[in-house]
PDB file of N, CA and C in Angstrom:
ATOM      1  N   UNK A   1      42.692  -3.495   5.302  1.00  0.00           N
ATOM      2  CA  UNK A   1      41.577  -4.336   5.481  1.00  0.00           C
ATOM      3  C   UNK A   1      40.537  -3.509   6.392  1.00  0.00           C
ATOM      4  N   UNK A   2      41.128  -3.263   7.676  1.00  0.00           N
ATOM      5  CA  UNK A   2      40.285  -2.591   8.680  1.00  0.00           C
ATOM      6  C   UNK A   2      39.724  -1.187   7.881  1.00  0.00           C
ATOM      7  N   UNK A   3      40.297  -0.625   7.239  1.00  0.00           N
ATOM      8  CA  UNK A   3      39.663   0.524   6.533  1.00  0.00           C
ATOM      9  C   UNK A   3      38.750   0.330   5.591  1.00  0.00           C
ATOM     10  N   UNK A   4      38.956  -0.589   4.953  1.00  0.00           N
ATOM     11  CA  UNK A   4      37.874  -0.962   3.830  1.00  0.00           C
ATOM     12  C   UNK A   4      36.285  -1.700   4.295  1.00  0.00           C
ATOM     13  N   UNK A   5      36.489  -2.509   5.440  1.00  0.00           N
ATOM     14  CA  UNK A   5      35.651  -3.009   6.495  1.00  0.00           C
ATOM     15  C   UNK A   5      34.738  -1.737   6.925  1.00  0.00           C
ATOM     16  N   UNK A   6      35.479  -1.044   7.586  1.00  0.00           N
ATOM     17  CA  UNK A   6      34.913   0.270   8.221  1.00  0.00           C
ATOM     18  C   UNK A   6      34.249   0.978   6.910  1.00  0.00           C
ATOM     19  N   UNK A   7      34.778   1.298   6.032  1.00  0.00           N
ATOM     20  CA  UNK A   7      34.012   2.060   4.812  1.00  0.00           C
ATOM     21  C   UNK A   7      33.007   1.225   4.355  1.00  0.00           C
ATOM     22  N   UNK A   8      33.006   0.048   4.197  1.00  0.00           N
ATOM     23  CA  UNK A   8      31.762  -1.055   3.914  1.00  0.00           C
ATOM     24  C   UNK A   8      30.630  -0.763   4.972  1.00  0.00           C
ATOM     25  N   UNK A   9      30.997  -0.777   6.365  1.00  0.00           N
ATOM     26  CA  UNK A   9      29.800  -0.583   7.344  1.00  0.00           C
ATOM     27  C   UNK A   9      29.328   0.747   7.169  1.00  0.00           C
ATOM     28  N   UNK A  10      30.106   1.591   7.023  1.00  0.00           N
ATOM     29  CA  UNK A  10      29.400   3.175   7.026  1.00  0.00           C
ATOM     30  C   UNK A  10      28.759   3.233   5.957  1.00  0.00           C
ATOM     31  N   UNK A  11      29.005   2.842   4.795  1.00  0.00           N
ATOM     32  CA  UNK A  11      28.406   3.045   3.653  1.00  0.00           C
ATOM     33  C   UNK A  11      27.230   2.272   3.898  1.00  0.00           C
ATOM     34  N   UNK A  12      27.040   0.986   4.484  1.00  0.00           N
ATOM     35  CA  UNK A  12      25.732   0.183   4.673  1.00  0.00           C
ATOM     36  C   UNK A  12      24.742   0.979   5.405  1.00  0.00           C
ATOM     37  N   UNK A  13      25.457   1.303   6.550  1.00  0.00           N
ATOM     38  CA  UNK A  13      24.803   2.112   7.432  1.00  0.00           C
ATOM     39  C   UNK A  13      23.877   3.552   6.950  1.00  0.00           C
ATOM     40  N   UNK A  14      24.614   4.025   5.916  1.00  0.00           N
ATOM     41  CA  UNK A  14      23.910   5.331   5.300  1.00  0.00           C
ATOM     42  C   UNK A  14      22.797   4.794   4.627  1.00  0.00           C
ATOM     43  N   UNK A  15      23.132   3.667   3.704  1.00  0.00           N
ATOM     44  CA  UNK A  15      22.247   3.402   2.612  1.00  0.00           C
ATOM     45  C   UNK A  15      20.901   2.723   3.639  1.00  0.00           C
ATOM     46  N   UNK A  16      21.187   2.157   4.303  1.00  0.00           N
ATOM     47  CA  UNK A  16      19.711   1.698   5.350  1.00  0.00           C
ATOM     48  C   UNK A  16      19.220   2.822   5.618  1.00  0.00           C
ATOM     49  N   UNK A  17      19.751   3.766   6.130  1.00  0.00           N
ATOM     50  CA  UNK A  17      19.218   5.068   6.797  1.00  0.00           C
ATOM     51  C   UNK A  17      18.293   5.678   5.657  1.00  0.00           C
ATOM     52  N   UNK A  18      19.084   5.694   4.543  1.00  0.00           N
ATOM     53  CA  UNK A  18      18.119   6.296   3.457  1.00  0.00           C
ATOM     54  C   UNK A  18      16.967   5.540   2.970  1.00  0.00           C
ATOM     55  N   UNK A  19      16.988   4.249   3.108  1.00  0.00           N
ATOM     56  CA  UNK A  19      16.052   3.292   2.784  1.00  0.00           C
ATOM     57  C   UNK A  19      14.841   3.198   3.717  1.00  0.00           C
ATOM     58  N   UNK A  20      15.343   3.499   5.080  1.00  0.00           N
ATOM     59  CA  UNK A  20      14.276   3.382   5.980  1.00  0.00           C
ATOM     60  C   UNK A  20      13.513   4.801   6.060  1.00  0.00           C
ATOM     61  N   UNK A  21      14.065   6.046   5.665  1.00  0.00           N
ATOM     62  CA  UNK A  21      13.239   6.989   5.924  1.00  0.00           C
ATOM     63  C   UNK A  21      12.313   7.332   4.868  1.00  0.00           C
ATOM     64  N   UNK A  22      11.112   7.829   5.257  1.00  0.00           N
ATOM     65  CA  UNK A  22       9.915   7.922   4.444  1.00  0.00           C
ATOM     66  C   UNK A  22       9.466   9.319   4.145  1.00  0.00           C
ATOM     67  N   UNK A  23       8.573   9.580   3.209  1.00  0.00           N
ATOM     68  CA  UNK A  23       8.016  10.923   3.264  1.00  0.00           C
ATOM     69  C   UNK A  23       6.670  10.741   3.537  1.00  0.00           C
ATOM     70  N   UNK A  24       5.977  11.413   4.647  1.00  0.00           N
ATOM     71  CA  UNK A  24       4.788  11.154   5.419  1.00  0.00           C
ATOM     72  C   UNK A  24       3.784  12.116   4.185  1.00  0.00           C
ATOM     73  N   UNK A  25       2.890  11.225   3.642  1.00  0.00           N
ATOM     74  CA  UNK A  25       2.132  12.244   2.752  1.00  0.00           C
ATOM     75  C   UNK A  25       0.951  12.788   3.537  1.00  0.00           C
ATOM     76  N   UNK A  26       0.055  13.627   3.095  1.00  0.00           N
ATOM     77  CA  UNK A  26      -1.228  14.400   3.402  1.00  0.00           C
ATOM     78  C   UNK A  26      -1.915  13.455   4.394  1.00  0.00           C
ATOM     79  N   UNK A  27      -1.945  13.453   5.946  1.00  0.00           N
ATOM     80  CA  UNK A  27      -2.561  12.357   6.546  1.00  0.00           C
ATOM     81  C   UNK A  27      -3.996  12.981   6.944  1.00  0.00           C
ATOM     82  N   UNK A  28      -4.520  14.032   6.576  1.00  0.00           N
ATOM     83  CA  UNK A  28      -5.541  14.643   7.146  1.00  0.00           C
ATOM     84  C   UNK A  28      -6.966  13.511   6.765  1.00  0.00           C
ATOM     85  N   UNK A  29      -7.543  13.314   7.901  1.00  0.00           N
ATOM     86  CA  UNK A  29      -8.823  12.194   7.716  1.00  0.00           C
ATOM     87  C   UNK A  29     -10.028  12.975   7.698  1.00  0.00           C
ATOM     88  N   UNK A  30     -10.607  12.647   6.539  1.00  0.00           N
ATOM     89  CA  UNK A  30     -12.171  13.200   6.305  1.00  0.00           C
ATOM     90  C   UNK A  30     -13.013  12.681   7.500  1.00  0.00           C
ATOM     91  N   UNK A  31     -13.616  13.609   7.897  1.00  0.00           N
ATOM     92  CA  UNK A  31     -14.905  13.383   8.933  1.00  0.00           C
ATOM     93  C   UNK A  31     -16.040  13.579   8.556  1.00  0.00           C
ATOM     94  N   UNK A  32     -17.139  12.666   8.659  1.00  0.00           N
ATOM     95  CA  UNK A  32     -18.467  12.589   8.423  1.00  0.00           C
ATOM     96  C   UNK A  32     -18.942  12.680   9.833  1.00  0.00           C
ATOM     97  N   UNK A  33     -20.107  13.456  10.101  1.00  0.00           N
ATOM     98  CA  UNK A  33     -20.767  13.529  11.471  1.00  0.00           C
ATOM     99  C   UNK A  33     -22.023  13.362  11.088  1.00  0.00           C
ATOM    100  N   UNK A  34     -22.628  12.307  11.874  1.00  0.00           N
ATOM    101  CA  UNK A  34     -24.092  11.915  12.292  1.00  0.00           C
ATOM    102  C   UNK A  34     -24.762  12.537  13.145  1.00  0.00           C
ATOM    103  N   UNK A  35     -25.715  13.240  13.205  1.00  0.00           N
ATOM    104  CA  UNK A  35     -26.412  14.045  14.129  1.00  0.00           C
ATOM    105  C   UNK A  35     -27.632  12.986  14.870  1.00  0.00           C
ATOM    106  N   UNK A  36     -27.891  13.695  15.815  1.00  0.00           N
ATOM    107  CA  UNK A  36     -29.030  12.388  16.490  1.00  0.00           C
ATOM    108  C   UNK A  36     -30.371  12.375  15.831  1.00  0.00           C
ATOM    109  N   UNK A  37     -30.376  12.955  14.839  1.00  0.00           N
ATOM    110  CA  UNK A  37     -31.616  12.625  14.108  1.00  0.00           C
ATOM    111  C   UNK A  37     -31.283  11.762  12.621  1.00  0.00           C
ATOM    112  N   UNK A  38     -29.824  11.361  12.670  1.00  0.00           N
ATOM    113  CA  UNK A  38     -29.680  10.511  11.423  1.00  0.00           C
ATOM    114  C   UNK A  38     -29.199  11.379  10.429  1.00  0.00           C
ATOM    115  N   UNK A  39     -29.197  12.620  10.314  1.00  0.00           N
ATOM    116  CA  UNK A  39     -28.468  13.216   9.159  1.00  0.00           C
ATOM    117  C   UNK A  39     -26.847  13.455   9.046  1.00  0.00           C
ATOM    118  N   UNK A  40     -26.345  13.201   7.866  1.00  0.00           N
ATOM    119  CA  UNK A  40     -24.942  13.076   7.816  1.00  0.00           C
ATOM    120  C   UNK A  40     -24.869  14.387   7.138  1.00  0.00           C
ATOM    121  N   UNK A  41     -23.476  14.935   7.837  1.00  0.00           N
ATOM    122  CA  UNK A  41     -22.874  16.159   7.648  1.00  0.00           C
ATOM    123  C   UNK A  41     -21.378  15.927   7.061  1.00  0.00           C
ATOM    124  N   UNK A  42     -21.185  16.645   6.250  1.00  0.00           N
ATOM    125  CA  UNK A  42     -19.556  16.725   5.669  1.00  0.00           C
ATOM    126  C   UNK A  42     -19.409  18.009   5.391  1.00  0.00           C
ATOM    127  N   UNK A  43     -18.289  18.633   6.095  1.00  0.00           N
ATOM    128  CA  UNK A  43     -18.044  20.320   5.920  1.00  0.00           C
ATOM    129  C   UNK A  43     -19.276  21.070   6.002  1.00  0.00           C
ATOM    130  N   UNK A  44     -20.081  20.503   7.199  1.00  0.00           N
ATOM    131  CA  UNK A  44     -21.126  21.392   7.456  1.00  0.00           C
ATOM    132  C   UNK A  44     -22.370  21.126   6.412  1.00  0.00           C
ATOM    133  N   UNK A  45     -22.118  20.522   5.419  1.00  0.00           N
ATOM    134  CA  UNK A  45     -23.341  20.278   4.477  1.00  0.00           C
ATOM    135  C   UNK A  45     -23.977  19.019   4.546  1.00  0.00           C
ATOM    136  N   UNK A  46     -25.370  19.084   4.521  1.00  0.00           N
ATOM    137  CA  UNK A  46     -25.957  17.618   4.365  1.00  0.00           C
ATOM    138  C   UNK A  46     -25.528  17.045   3.479  1.00  0.00           C
ATOM    139  N   UNK A  47     -25.344  15.443   3.471  1.00  0.00           N
ATOM    140  CA  UNK A  47     -25.022  14.366   2.619  1.00  0.00           C
ATOM    141  C   UNK A  47     -26.289  13.500   2.078  1.00  0.00           C
ATOM    142  N   UNK A  48     -26.630  13.538   1.012  1.00  0.00           N
ATOM    143  CA  UNK A  48     -27.781  12.975   0.582  1.00  0.00           C
ATOM    144  C   UNK A  48     -27.491  11.468   0.402  1.00  0.00           C
ATOM    145  N   UNK A  49     -28.236  10.432   0.914  1.00  0.00           N
ATOM    146  CA  UNK A  49     -28.167   8.985   0.767  1.00  0.00           C
ATOM    147  C   UNK A  49     -27.894   8.564  -0.851  1.00  0.00           C
ATOM    148  N   UNK A  50     -26.968   7.896  -1.349  1.00  0.00           N
ATOM    149  CA  UNK A  50     -26.756   7.653  -2.614  1.00  0.00           C
ATOM    150  C   UNK A  50     -25.879   8.498  -3.339  1.00  0.00           C
ATOM    151  N   UNK A  51     -25.462   9.350  -2.621  1.00  0.00           N
ATOM    152  CA  UNK A  51     -24.583  10.630  -3.349  1.00  0.00           C
ATOM    153  C   UNK A  51     -23.244  10.681  -2.213  1.00  0.00           C
ATOM    154  N   UNK A  52     -23.007   9.757  -1.144  1.00  0.00           N
ATOM    155  CA  UNK A  52     -22.040  10.186  -0.188  1.00  0.00           C
ATOM    156  C   UNK A  52     -20.688   9.930  -1.002  1.00  0.00           C
ATOM    157  N   UNK A  53     -20.417   9.047  -1.698  1.00  0.00           N
ATOM    158  CA  UNK A  53     -19.394   8.687  -2.432  1.00  0.00           C
ATOM    159  C   UNK A  53     -18.961   9.541  -3.574  1.00  0.00           C
ATOM    160  N   UNK A  54     -20.108  10.127  -4.202  1.00  0.00           N
ATOM    161  CA  UNK A  54     -19.504  11.071  -5.257  1.00  0.00           C
ATOM    162  C   UNK A  54     -19.116  12.661  -4.443  1.00  0.00           C
ATOM    163  N   UNK A  55     -19.736  12.768  -3.517  1.00  0.00           N
ATOM    164  CA  UNK A  55     -19.322  14.081  -2.555  1.00  0.00           C
ATOM    165  C   UNK A  55     -18.056  13.888  -2.191  1.00  0.00           C
ATOM    166  N   UNK A  56     -17.616  12.834  -1.354  1.00  0.00           N
ATOM    167  CA  UNK A  56     -16.190  12.424  -1.005  1.00  0.00           C
ATOM    168  C   UNK A  56     -15.235  12.615  -2.118  1.00  0.00           C
ATOM    169  N   UNK A  57     -15.791  12.083  -3.335  1.00  0.00           N
ATOM    170  CA  UNK A  57     -14.571  12.120  -4.413  1.00  0.00           C
ATOM    171  C   UNK A  57     -14.448  13.546  -4.868  1.00  0.00           C
ATOM    172  N   UNK A  58     -15.347  14.213  -5.101  1.00  0.00           N
ATOM    173  CA  UNK A  58     -15.364  15.587  -5.547  1.00  0.00           C
ATOM    174  C   UNK A  58     -14.606  16.454  -4.402  1.00  0.00           C
ATOM    175  N   UNK A  59     -14.586  16.163  -3.260  1.00  0.00           N
ATOM    176  CA  UNK A  59     -13.686  16.700  -2.058  1.00  0.00           C
ATOM    177  C   UNK A  59     -12.452  16.361  -2.168  1.00  0.00           C
ATOM    178  N   UNK A  60     -11.850  15.362  -3.009  1.00  0.00           N
ATOM    179  CA  UNK A  60     -10.699  15.004  -3.110  1.00  0.00           C
ATOM    180  C   UNK A  60     -10.357  13.811  -2.237  1.00  0.00           C
ATOM    181  N   UNK A  61     -11.318  13.058  -1.511  1.00  0.00           N
ATOM    182  CA  UNK A  61     -10.892  11.913  -0.802  1.00  0.00           C
ATOM    183  C   UNK A  61     -10.521  10.682  -1.572  1.00  0.00           C
ATOM    184  N   UNK A  62      -9.465  10.108  -1.518  1.00  0.00           N
ATOM    185  CA  UNK A  62      -9.151   8.851  -2.246  1.00  0.00           C
ATOM    186  C   UNK A  62      -9.849   7.411  -1.584  1.00  0.00           C
ATOM    187  N   UNK A  63     -10.054   6.695  -2.381  1.00  0.00           N
ATOM    188  CA  UNK A  63     -10.449   5.498  -1.941  1.00  0.00           C
ATOM    189  C   UNK A  63      -9.759   4.861  -1.046  1.00  0.00           C
ATOM    190  N   UNK A  64      -8.638   4.756  -0.972  1.00  0.00           N
ATOM    191  CA  UNK A  64      -7.947   4.019   0.159  1.00  0.00           C
ATOM    192  C   UNK A  64      -7.528   4.597   1.566  1.00  0.00           C
ATOM    193  N   UNK A  65      -8.260   5.822   1.546  1.00  0.00           N
ATOM    194  CA  UNK A  65      -8.072   6.770   2.697  1.00  0.00           C
ATOM    195  C   UNK A  65      -9.188   6.514   3.567  1.00  0.00           C
ATOM    196  N   UNK A  66      -8.576   6.604   5.065  1.00  0.00           N
ATOM    197  CA  UNK A  66      -9.579   6.090   6.445  1.00  0.00           C
ATOM    198  C   UNK A  66     -10.374   7.463   6.155  1.00  0.00           C
ATOM    199  N   UNK A  67     -11.834   6.974   6.421  1.00  0.00           N
ATOM    200  CA  UNK A  67     -12.886   8.062   6.611  1.00  0.00           C
ATOM    201  C   UNK A  67     -13.543   7.665   8.026  1.00  0.00           C
ATOM    202  N   UNK A  68     -13.369   8.882   8.913  1.00  0.00           N
ATOM    203  CA  UNK A  68     -14.050   8.804  10.234  1.00  0.00           C
ATOM    204  C   UNK A  68     -15.506   9.192  10.096  1.00  0.00           C
ATOM    205  N   UNK A  69     -16.284   8.475  10.766  1.00  0.00           N
ATOM    206  CA  UNK A  69     -17.761   8.938  10.805  1.00  0.00           C
ATOM    207  C   UNK A  69     -18.100   8.858  12.222  1.00  0.00           C
ATOM    208  N   UNK A  70     -18.440  10.160  12.773  1.00  0.00           N
ATOM    209  CA  UNK A  70     -18.699  10.320  14.039  1.00  0.00           C
ATOM    210  C   UNK A  70     -20.240  10.052  14.189  1.00  0.00           C
ATOM    211  N   UNK A  71     -20.461   9.500  15.415  1.00  0.00           N
ATOM    212  CA  UNK A  71     -21.911   8.947  15.288  1.00  0.00           C
ATOM    213  C   UNK A  71     -22.262   9.422  16.979  1.00  0.00           C
ATOM    214  N   UNK A  72     -23.525   9.508  17.064  1.00  0.00           N
ATOM    215  CA  UNK A  72     -23.981   9.827  18.371  1.00  0.00           C
ATOM    216  C   UNK A  72     -24.157   8.430  19.484  1.00  0.00           C
ATOM    217  N   UNK A  73     -24.054   8.579  20.647  1.00  0.00           N
ATOM    218  CA  UNK A  73     -23.769   7.626  21.393  1.00  0.00           C
ATOM    219  C   UNK A  73     -24.677   6.382  21.308  1.00  0.00           C
ATOM    220  N   UNK A  74     -26.006   6.730  20.885  1.00  0.00           N
ATOM    221  CA  UNK A  74     -27.163   5.612  20.647  1.00  0.00           C
ATOM    222  C   UNK A  74     -27.522   5.765  19.088  1.00  0.00           C
ATOM    223  N   UNK A  75     -26.591   5.731  18.142  1.00  0.00           N
ATOM    224  CA  UNK A  75     -26.736   5.795  16.683  1.00  0.00           C
ATOM    225  C   UNK A  75     -27.518   4.588  16.296  1.00  0.00           C
ATOM    226  N   UNK A  76     -28.052   4.660  15.165  1.00  0.00           N
ATOM    227  CA  UNK A  76     -29.137   3.554  14.782  1.00  0.00           C
ATOM    228  C   UNK A  76     -27.953   2.579  13.675  1.00  0.00           C
ATOM    229  N   UNK A  77     -28.133   1.395  14.321  1.00  0.00           N
ATOM    230  CA  UNK A  77     -27.047   0.423  13.792  1.00  0.00           C
ATOM    231  C   UNK A  77     -27.548   0.193  12.297  1.00  0.00           C
ATOM    232  N   UNK A  78     -28.758   0.026  12.114  1.00  0.00           N
ATOM    233  CA  UNK A  78     -29.309  -0.154  10.304  1.00  0.00           C
ATOM    234  C   UNK A  78     -28.607   0.838   9.755  1.00  0.00           C
ATOM    235  N   UNK A  79     -28.792   2.361  10.261  1.00  0.00           N
ATOM    236  CA  UNK A  79     -28.183   3.429   9.424  1.00  0.00           C
ATOM    237  C   UNK A  79     -26.824   3.184   9.066  1.00  0.00           C
ATOM    238  N   UNK A  80     -26.105   2.795  10.149  1.00  0.00           N
ATOM    239  CA  UNK A  80     -24.546   2.691  10.023  1.00  0.00           C
ATOM    240  C   UNK A  80     -24.260   1.715   8.958  1.00  0.00           C
ATOM    241  N   UNK A  81     -25.006   0.492   9.103  1.00  0.00           N
ATOM    242  CA  UNK A  81     -24.915  -0.386   7.928  1.00  0.00           C
ATOM    243  C   UNK A  81     -25.146   0.066   6.542  1.00  0.00           C
ATOM    244  N   UNK A  82     -26.077   0.929   6.416  1.00  0.00           N
ATOM    245  CA  UNK A  82     -26.590   1.383   4.816  1.00  0.00           C
ATOM    246  C   UNK A  82     -25.299   2.245   4.552  1.00  0.00           C
ATOM    247  N   UNK A  83     -24.826   3.098   5.570  1.00  0.00           N
ATOM    248  CA  UNK A  83     -23.843   3.925   5.083  1.00  0.00           C
ATOM    249  C   UNK A  83     -22.507   3.313   4.909  1.00  0.00           C
ATOM    250  N   UNK A  84     -22.135   2.174   5.736  1.00  0.00           N
ATOM    251  CA  UNK A  84     -20.718   1.268   5.412  1.00  0.00           C
ATOM    252  C   UNK A  84     -20.964   0.556   4.115  1.00  0.00           C
ATOM    253  N   UNK A  85     -22.091   0.133   3.651  1.00  0.00           N
ATOM    254  CA  UNK A  85     -22.518  -0.597   2.601  1.00  0.00           C
ATOM    255  C   UNK A  85     -22.147   0.177   1.315  1.00  0.00           C
ATOM    256  N   UNK A  86     -22.726   1.453   1.253  1.00  0.00           N
ATOM    257  CA  UNK A  86     -22.676   2.559   0.331  1.00  0.00           C
ATOM    258  C   UNK A  86     -21.072   2.949   0.006  1.00  0.00           C
ATOM    259  N   UNK A  87     -20.563   3.272   1.183  1.00  0.00           N
ATOM    260  CA  UNK A  87     -19.128   3.604   1.002  1.00  0.00           C
ATOM    261  C   UNK A  87     -18.241   2.137   0.441  1.00  0.00           C
ATOM    262  N   UNK A  88     -18.541   1.157   1.008  1.00  0.00           N
ATOM    263  CA  UNK A  88     -17.931  -0.052   0.571  1.00  0.00           C
ATOM    264  C   UNK A  88     -18.244  -0.482  -1.136  1.00  0.00           C
ATOM    265  N   UNK A  89     -19.548  -0.127  -1.688  1.00  0.00           N
ATOM    266  CA  UNK A  89     -19.822  -0.273  -2.936  1.00  0.00           C
ATOM    267  C   UNK A  89     -19.188   0.583  -3.632  1.00  0.00           C
ATOM    268  N   UNK A  90     -18.865   1.942  -3.364  1.00  0.00           N
ATOM    269  CA  UNK A  90     -18.249   3.199  -3.869  1.00  0.00           C
ATOM    270  C   UNK A  90     -16.565   2.867  -3.669  1.00  0.00           C
ATOM    271  N   UNK A  91     -16.107   1.865  -3.068  1.00  0.00           N
ATOM    272  CA  UNK A  91     -14.749   1.689  -3.047  1.00  0.00           C
ATOM    273  C   UNK A  91     -14.128   2.044  -1.804  1.00  0.00           C
ATOM    274  N   UNK A  92     -14.706   2.829  -0.986  1.00  0.00           N
ATOM    275  CA  UNK A  92     -14.349   3.479   0.333  1.00  0.00           C
ATOM    276  C   UNK A  92     -14.120   2.151   1.332  1.00  0.00           C
ATOM    277  N   UNK A  93     -12.932   1.552   1.583  1.00  0.00           N
ATOM    278  CA  UNK A  93     -13.181   0.338   2.506  1.00  0.00           C
ATOM    279  C   UNK A  93     -12.531   0.720   3.741  1.00  0.00           C
ATOM    280  N   UNK A  94     -12.147   1.776   3.963  1.00  0.00           N
ATOM    281  CA  UNK A  94     -11.286   2.136   5.300  1.00  0.00           C
ATOM    282  C   UNK A  94     -12.131   3.191   6.115  1.00  0.00           C
ATOM    283  N   UNK A  95     -13.326   2.380   6.910  1.00  0.00           N
ATOM    284  CA  UNK A  95     -14.269   3.272   7.466  1.00  0.00           C
ATOM    285  C   UNK A  95     -14.101   3.116   9.015  1.00  0.00           C
ATOM    286  N   UNK A  96     -14.160   4.154   9.779  1.00  0.00           N
ATOM    287  CA  UNK A  96     -14.031   4.211  11.355  1.00  0.00           C
ATOM    288  C   UNK A  96     -15.542   4.772  11.962  1.00  0.00           C
ATOM    289  N   UNK A  97     -16.053   4.013  12.369  1.00  0.00           N
ATOM    290  CA  UNK A  97     -17.272   4.750  13.398  1.00  0.00           C
ATOM    291  C   UNK A  97     -16.677   4.992  14.817  1.00  0.00           C
ATOM    292  N   UNK A  98     -16.571   6.398  15.197  1.00  0.00           N
ATOM    293  CA  UNK A  98     -16.145   7.033  16.333  1.00  0.00           C
ATOM    294  C   UNK A  98     -17.568   7.450  17.143  1.00  0.00           C
ATOM    295  N   UNK A  99     -17.382   7.359  18.666  1.00  0.00           N
ATOM    296  CA  UNK A  99     -18.202   8.071  19.515  1.00  0.00           C
ATOM    297  C   UNK A  99     -17.396   9.044  20.221  1.00  0.00           C
ATOM    298  N   UNK A 100     -17.837   9.665  21.390  1.00  0.00           N
ATOM    299  CA  UNK A 100     -17.054  10.633  22.127  1.00  0.00           C
ATOM    300  C   UNK A 100     -16.254   9.495  23.093  1.00  0.00           C
ATOM    301  N   UNK A 101     -16.426   8.497  23.153  1.00  0.00           N
ATOM    302  CA  UNK A 101     -15.704   7.730  24.106  1.00  0.00           C
ATOM    303  C   UNK A 101     -15.283   6.499  23.467  1.00  0.00           C
ATOM    304  N   UNK A 102     -15.622   5.984  22.380  1.00  0.00           N
ATOM    305  CA  UNK A 102     -14.971   4.962  21.874  1.00  0.00           C
ATOM    306  C   UNK A 102     -14.829   4.628  20.282  1.00  0.00           C
ATOM    307  N   UNK A 103     -14.114   3.833  19.731  1.00  0.00           N
ATOM    308  CA  UNK A 103     -13.954   3.963  18.156  1.00  0.00           C
ATOM    309  C   UNK A 103     -13.786   2.539  17.858  1.00  0.00           C
ATOM    310  N   UNK A 104     -14.460   2.140  16.817  1.00  0.00           N
ATOM    311  CA  UNK A 104     -14.522   0.908  16.202  1.00  0.00           C
ATOM    312  C   UNK A 104     -14.141   0.871  14.965  1.00  0.00           C
ATOM    313  N   UNK A 105     -13.241   0.091  14.406  1.00  0.00           N
ATOM    314  CA  UNK A 105     -12.673   0.075  12.750  1.00  0.00           C
ATOM    315  C   UNK A 105     -12.865  -1.167  12.346  1.00  0.00           C
ATOM    316  N   UNK A 106     -12.993  -1.238  11.037  1.00  0.00           N
ATOM    317  CA  UNK A 106     -13.200  -2.446  10.286  1.00  0.00           C
ATOM    318  C   UNK A 106     -12.675  -2.045   8.765  1.00  0.00           C
ATOM    319  N   UNK A 107     -11.834  -3.103   8.474  1.00  0.00           N
ATOM    320  CA  UNK A 107     -11.598  -3.044   6.933  1.00  0.00           C
ATOM    321  C   UNK A 107     -12.446  -3.931   6.188  1.00  0.00           C
ATOM    322  N   UNK A 108     -13.077  -3.386   5.100  1.00  0.00           N
ATOM    323  CA  UNK A 108     -14.175  -3.926   4.267  1.00  0.00           C
ATOM    324  C   UNK A 108     -13.478  -4.690   3.216  1.00  0.00           C
ATOM    325  N   UNK A 109     -13.618  -5.632   2.828  1.00  0.00           N
ATOM    326  CA  UNK A 109     -13.070  -6.224   1.496  1.00  0.00           C
ATOM    327  C   UNK A 109     -14.085  -6.247   0.352  1.00  0.00           C
ATOM    328  N   UNK A 110     -13.613  -6.431  -0.784  1.00  0.00           N
ATOM    329  CA  UNK A 110     -14.525  -6.882  -1.930  1.00  0.00           C
ATOM    330  C   UNK A 110     -14.277  -8.199  -2.086  1.00  0.00           C
TER     331      UNK A 110
END
């Protein structure tokens, strides 16, 4: 009886261990940079307003993926709102605005 119980516990531990282990997918986070003039750069190229989502999709960024937007210390809040609105409209809802000192994150819903 003890052998059966021990075998059962061993199998349960093995199955639980297999169920808990996960494969980590590609976790690279795309970064858009806003310079002090308000221009957006992605991989060193300027992003045009209205074409941000198409550029990200062509680069292979998935809609559920987090996007970091680096902003200067005194960034234009209205411009940030326009960027977030365009990305949200395009289905990109995980946007993080970052500076050198702080980061704020929000999940936008539809």
